[in-house]
């Protein structure tokens, strides 16, 4: 009984911390808009449930999600990609 109370409290605290972190991230970028005037970073529901192991035991938490528009996502250059992911003839290491 006591273990369940501790586990539920840990789940609520983790969920609140994840929500606060996601809200802070979205709020920090609230003024960033694209050329049309749409916000580039917005909240987008919740991710699937994940099990986190903490001092109270295994706790299942759903983290809030956010969507970043394609224009803000970092691009990976071909030269920084591992060779096995590159097409032949594009990157030549000599």
N, C-alpha and C. Protein backbone atom coordinates (compact mmCIF):
# COMPACT_ATOMS: atom_id res chain seq x y z
N UNK A 1 0.82 -1.19 0.00
CA UNK A 1 0.00 0.00 0.00
C UNK A 1 0.86 1.27 0.00
N UNK A 2 1.81 1.32 0.91
CA UNK A 2 2.68 2.49 1.00
C UNK A 2 3.54 2.61 -0.26
N UNK A 3 3.99 1.48 -0.80
CA UNK A 3 4.79 1.51 -2.03
C UNK A 3 4.00 2.11 -3.19
N UNK A 4 2.73 1.78 -3.29
CA UNK A 4 1.89 2.34 -4.36
C UNK A 4 1.72 3.84 -4.22
N UNK A 5 1.58 4.33 -3.00
CA UNK A 5 1.44 5.78 -2.76
C UNK A 5 2.73 6.48 -3.17
N UNK A 6 3.88 5.92 -2.80
CA UNK A 6 5.17 6.51 -3.15
C UNK A 6 5.35 6.49 -4.66
N UNK A 7 5.02 5.38 -5.30
CA UNK A 7 5.17 5.25 -6.75
C UNK A 7 4.28 6.25 -7.49
N UNK A 8 3.03 6.41 -7.04
CA UNK A 8 2.11 7.35 -7.68
C UNK A 8 2.58 8.80 -7.49
N UNK A 9 3.11 9.10 -6.31
CA UNK A 9 3.66 10.45 -6.06
C UNK A 9 4.86 10.71 -6.95
N UNK A 10 5.73 9.71 -7.11
CA UNK A 10 6.90 9.86 -7.98
C UNK A 10 6.45 10.07 -9.42
N UNK A 11 5.42 9.33 -9.86
CA UNK A 11 4.91 9.49 -11.22
C UNK A 11 4.39 10.91 -11.44
N UNK A 12 3.64 11.44 -10.47
CA UNK A 12 3.10 12.79 -10.59
C UNK A 12 4.21 13.84 -10.62
N UNK A 13 5.24 13.65 -9.78
CA UNK A 13 6.34 14.62 -9.76
C UNK A 13 7.12 14.58 -11.07
N UNK A 14 7.39 13.38 -11.60
CA UNK A 14 8.10 13.28 -12.88
C UNK A 14 7.29 13.89 -14.01
N UNK A 15 5.99 13.64 -14.03
CA UNK A 15 5.13 14.20 -15.08
C UNK A 15 5.11 15.73 -14.99
N UNK A 16 5.05 16.27 -13.77
CA UNK A 16 5.06 17.72 -13.60
C UNK A 16 6.39 18.32 -14.05
N UNK A 17 7.50 17.65 -13.74
CA UNK A 17 8.81 18.14 -14.16
C UNK A 17 8.96 18.11 -15.68
N UNK A 18 8.47 17.05 -16.31
CA UNK A 18 8.54 16.97 -17.77
C UNK A 18 7.66 18.04 -18.43
N UNK A 19 6.46 18.28 -17.86
CA UNK A 19 5.60 19.33 -18.38
C UNK A 19 6.25 20.70 -18.25
N UNK A 20 6.87 20.96 -17.10
CA UNK A 20 7.53 22.25 -16.88
C UNK A 20 8.69 22.44 -17.85
N UNK A 21 9.44 21.38 -18.10
CA UNK A 21 10.56 21.48 -19.05
C UNK A 21 10.06 21.75 -20.46
N UNK A 22 9.01 21.05 -20.88
CA UNK A 22 8.46 21.26 -22.22
C UNK A 22 7.86 22.66 -22.34
N UNK A 23 7.15 23.11 -21.31
CA UNK A 23 6.58 24.46 -21.34
C UNK A 23 7.68 25.52 -21.43
N UNK A 24 8.77 25.32 -20.68
CA UNK A 24 9.89 26.26 -20.73
C UNK A 24 10.52 26.33 -22.11
N UNK A 25 10.66 25.17 -22.75
CA UNK A 25 11.24 25.11 -24.09
C UNK A 25 10.35 25.85 -25.09
N UNK A 26 9.05 25.58 -25.05
CA UNK A 26 8.13 26.22 -25.98
C UNK A 26 8.04 27.71 -25.69
N UNK A 27 7.99 28.09 -24.42
CA UNK A 27 7.90 29.51 -24.06
C UNK A 27 9.15 30.29 -24.45
N UNK A 28 10.31 29.64 -24.38
CA UNK A 28 11.56 30.31 -24.76
C UNK A 28 11.58 30.65 -26.24
N UNK A 29 10.85 29.88 -27.05
CA UNK A 29 10.86 30.09 -28.50
C UNK A 29 9.52 30.63 -29.00
N UNK A 30 8.75 31.27 -28.12
CA UNK A 30 7.42 31.72 -28.49
C UNK A 30 7.45 32.82 -29.56
N UNK A 31 8.49 33.62 -29.59
CA UNK A 31 8.56 34.70 -30.57
C UNK A 31 9.15 34.31 -31.90
N UNK A 32 9.60 33.09 -32.04
CA UNK A 32 10.23 32.64 -33.28
C UNK A 32 9.13 32.17 -34.23
N UNK A 33 9.01 32.88 -35.37
CA UNK A 33 7.98 32.54 -36.35
C UNK A 33 8.62 32.37 -37.72
N UNK A 34 7.90 31.68 -38.61
CA UNK A 34 8.39 31.51 -39.97
C UNK A 34 7.94 32.70 -40.82
N UNK A 35 8.18 32.62 -42.11
CA UNK A 35 7.85 33.73 -43.01
C UNK A 35 6.37 34.02 -43.12
N UNK A 36 5.52 33.07 -42.79
CA UNK A 36 4.08 33.24 -42.88
C UNK A 36 3.50 33.76 -41.57
N UNK A 37 4.29 33.73 -40.50
CA UNK A 37 3.83 34.19 -39.20
C UNK A 37 3.42 33.08 -38.26
N UNK A 38 3.62 31.82 -38.66
CA UNK A 38 3.30 30.70 -37.78
C UNK A 38 4.45 30.46 -36.81
N UNK A 39 4.11 30.09 -35.57
CA UNK A 39 5.15 29.76 -34.60
C UNK A 39 5.90 28.53 -35.05
N UNK A 40 7.21 28.54 -34.87
CA UNK A 40 8.03 27.41 -35.31
C UNK A 40 8.03 26.26 -34.33
N UNK A 41 7.80 26.53 -33.05
CA UNK A 41 7.77 25.47 -32.04
C UNK A 41 6.43 25.54 -31.32
N UNK A 42 5.70 24.44 -31.31
CA UNK A 42 4.40 24.38 -30.65
C UNK A 42 4.28 23.08 -29.86
N UNK A 43 3.38 23.05 -28.87
CA UNK A 43 3.09 21.82 -28.14
C UNK A 43 2.33 20.89 -29.06
N UNK A 44 2.58 19.59 -28.91
CA UNK A 44 1.93 18.62 -29.78
C UNK A 44 1.56 17.37 -29.00
N UNK A 45 0.61 17.49 -28.08
CA UNK A 45 0.13 16.33 -27.34
C UNK A 45 1.17 15.70 -26.44
N UNK A 46 1.10 14.38 -26.33
CA UNK A 46 2.01 13.64 -25.46
C UNK A 46 2.61 12.47 -26.22
N UNK A 47 3.82 12.12 -25.84
CA UNK A 47 4.47 10.94 -26.39
C UNK A 47 3.88 9.70 -25.72
N UNK A 48 4.19 8.56 -26.25
CA UNK A 48 3.71 7.31 -25.66
C UNK A 48 4.28 7.11 -24.27
N UNK A 49 3.62 6.30 -23.46
CA UNK A 49 4.11 6.08 -22.10
C UNK A 49 5.45 5.37 -22.08
N UNK A 50 6.30 5.78 -21.14
CA UNK A 50 7.62 5.17 -20.97
C UNK A 50 7.80 4.79 -19.51
N UNK A 51 8.53 3.74 -19.29
CA UNK A 51 8.80 3.30 -17.94
C UNK A 51 10.15 3.86 -17.49
N UNK A 52 10.13 4.56 -16.36
CA UNK A 52 11.33 5.16 -15.80
C UNK A 52 11.61 4.47 -14.48
N UNK A 53 12.85 4.07 -14.27
CA UNK A 53 13.23 3.43 -13.03
C UNK A 53 13.76 4.49 -12.08
N UNK A 54 13.12 4.62 -10.92
CA UNK A 54 13.56 5.59 -9.92
C UNK A 54 13.64 4.90 -8.57
N UNK A 55 13.92 5.65 -7.53
CA UNK A 55 14.05 5.09 -6.20
C UNK A 55 12.79 4.40 -5.72
N UNK A 56 11.63 4.83 -6.21
CA UNK A 56 10.35 4.24 -5.81
C UNK A 56 10.02 2.99 -6.63
N UNK A 57 10.85 2.67 -7.60
CA UNK A 57 10.60 1.52 -8.47
C UNK A 57 10.30 1.98 -9.89
N UNK A 58 9.77 1.09 -10.69
CA UNK A 58 9.44 1.42 -12.08
C UNK A 58 8.16 2.26 -12.12
N UNK A 59 8.23 3.40 -12.82
CA UNK A 59 7.11 4.33 -12.91
C UNK A 59 6.83 4.60 -14.38
N UNK A 60 5.58 4.55 -14.79
CA UNK A 60 5.21 4.83 -16.18
C UNK A 60 4.78 6.29 -16.30
N UNK A 61 5.41 7.02 -17.24
CA UNK A 61 5.16 8.45 -17.42
C UNK A 61 4.97 8.74 -18.89
N UNK A 62 4.08 9.68 -19.21
CA UNK A 62 3.91 10.16 -20.59
C UNK A 62 4.50 11.55 -20.67
N UNK A 63 5.49 11.75 -21.51
CA UNK A 63 6.15 13.04 -21.66
C UNK A 63 5.40 13.89 -22.67
N UNK A 64 5.27 15.21 -22.40
CA UNK A 64 4.64 16.10 -23.38
C UNK A 64 5.52 16.24 -24.61
N UNK A 65 4.90 16.41 -25.76
CA UNK A 65 5.64 16.54 -27.00
C UNK A 65 5.63 17.96 -27.51
N UNK A 66 6.54 18.27 -28.39
CA UNK A 66 6.57 19.55 -29.08
C UNK A 66 6.98 19.30 -30.51
N UNK A 67 6.51 20.15 -31.40
CA UNK A 67 6.84 20.01 -32.81
C UNK A 67 7.66 21.21 -33.23
N UNK A 68 8.76 20.94 -33.90
CA UNK A 68 9.62 21.99 -34.43
C UNK A 68 9.48 21.96 -35.94
N UNK A 69 9.28 23.13 -36.53
CA UNK A 69 9.11 23.16 -37.99
C UNK A 69 10.41 22.74 -38.67
N UNK A 70 10.30 22.29 -39.88
CA UNK A 70 11.44 21.76 -40.62
C UNK A 70 12.55 22.79 -40.80
N UNK A 71 12.20 24.06 -40.86
CA UNK A 71 13.23 25.08 -41.08
C UNK A 71 14.13 25.28 -39.87
N UNK A 72 13.73 24.79 -38.68
CA UNK A 72 14.57 24.93 -37.50
C UNK A 72 15.35 23.67 -37.17
N UNK A 73 15.04 22.55 -37.80
CA UNK A 73 15.74 21.31 -37.50
C UNK A 73 17.17 21.39 -38.02
N UNK A 74 18.13 20.93 -37.24
CA UNK A 74 19.51 20.98 -37.71
C UNK A 74 19.71 20.02 -38.88
N UNK A 75 20.47 20.47 -39.85
CA UNK A 75 20.77 19.64 -41.00
C UNK A 75 22.06 18.87 -40.74
N UNK A 76 22.12 17.65 -41.17
CA UNK A 76 23.32 16.84 -41.03
C UNK A 76 24.05 16.87 -42.36
N UNK A 77 25.28 17.31 -42.33
CA UNK A 77 26.04 17.37 -43.57
C UNK A 77 26.53 15.98 -43.93
N UNK A 78 26.73 15.76 -45.19
CA UNK A 78 27.18 14.46 -45.67
C UNK A 78 28.55 14.13 -45.10
N UNK A 79 29.40 15.12 -44.96
CA UNK A 79 30.74 14.86 -44.46
C UNK A 79 30.73 14.45 -42.99
N UNK A 80 29.68 14.81 -42.24
CA UNK A 80 29.60 14.45 -40.83
C UNK A 80 28.92 13.09 -40.63
N UNK A 81 28.31 12.56 -41.68
CA UNK A 81 27.60 11.29 -41.57
C UNK A 81 28.58 10.13 -41.64
N UNK A 82 28.28 9.05 -40.92
CA UNK A 82 29.14 7.86 -41.03
C UNK A 82 29.13 7.34 -42.47
N UNK A 83 30.25 6.76 -42.87
CA UNK A 83 30.41 6.32 -44.25
C UNK A 83 29.36 5.30 -44.66
N UNK A 84 28.93 4.43 -43.75
CA UNK A 84 27.98 3.38 -44.14
C UNK A 84 26.61 3.94 -44.53
N UNK A 85 26.31 5.18 -44.14
CA UNK A 85 25.02 5.78 -44.48
C UNK A 85 25.09 6.61 -45.76
N UNK A 86 26.27 6.77 -46.31
CA UNK A 86 26.43 7.60 -47.50
C UNK A 86 26.48 6.73 -48.74
N UNK A 87 26.00 7.31 -49.84
CA UNK A 87 26.06 6.59 -51.12
C UNK A 87 27.48 6.59 -51.63
N UNK A 88 27.83 5.56 -52.36
CA UNK A 88 29.16 5.53 -52.96
C UNK A 88 29.33 6.66 -53.94
N UNK A 89 30.51 7.22 -53.93
CA UNK A 89 30.82 8.29 -54.86
C UNK A 89 30.52 9.67 -54.29
N UNK A 90 29.72 9.74 -53.22
CA UNK A 90 29.41 11.02 -52.60
C UNK A 90 30.51 11.40 -51.64
N UNK A 91 30.94 10.47 -50.80
CA UNK A 91 32.00 10.74 -49.83
C UNK A 91 33.12 9.76 -50.10
N UNK A 92 34.29 10.28 -50.30
CA UNK A 92 35.45 9.43 -50.53
C UNK A 92 36.51 9.73 -49.48
N UNK A 93 36.78 8.77 -48.65
CA UNK A 93 37.82 8.94 -47.62
C UNK A 93 39.12 8.35 -48.15
N UNK A 94 40.13 9.18 -48.24
CA UNK A 94 41.44 8.72 -48.71
C UNK A 94 42.51 9.26 -47.84
